[in-house]
């Protein structure tokens, strides 16, 4: 798959992701970054900006475009077998790659255990997600499941509190227990969490709103939830 941008490519190099090719703008003059590539033994080819624009579909590539092996999803079971507190975020139909990328960036900053996504109605791991994540996509496990509701049952069976988000509940996100293992569910940008998924939660929380706009971007809401579940 195609990726682009300094941070994304730097993190791909750090984790030894396989590169099929790396193209660098013929006018690219960041000697520090070029030395980094040389030190890591990464080969690249100089090309004109038009070639990079074509490959990245006119994205902000910062003079660097690569073709690398696809990002891989993780399995849930190995994470459930680990001891200690676990912190998951479940995305129920998030479709905007910018939102997923931003969520990944916060997930890496807060050392989230993993992000759980469904095979249906979910944005794939693509170049935009990688770019917006600023390379965090390389470090946050993204767990693919067939059925969110079945996954909720599995999480509960392993002692993990499953908490949904809804603007009409009485509980605040500040009521989320910091000491417990949790899985916070965030829904689609337009329709929110699906009704059956909401019913299967242990309880629902909301983020209090005091202005005239009655909702937050899902990536902002996710950030508040992730920081709330951190140990004090």
Foldseek 3Di string as FASTA:
>chain_A
DKAADQLQVLLCLVVVFAFPAKEFEPPDDPVVSVVVCVVSVHDHYYDHPVVVCVRVVNDPRSRMMTDTDDDDADADVVLLPDDDAAEEEEEAQAADLLLLLLLLLLCLVLVHQAYEYEPPNYHDDDRSSSVNVSNSSSPHHYHYDHDLLVVLVVCVVSQEAEEEEDPPDDAALLPPDQRHHYYYYWYYQPPIHDPVSQVSGPYYHYHDDDDPDRDDGRSVVSSVNSVSNHDD
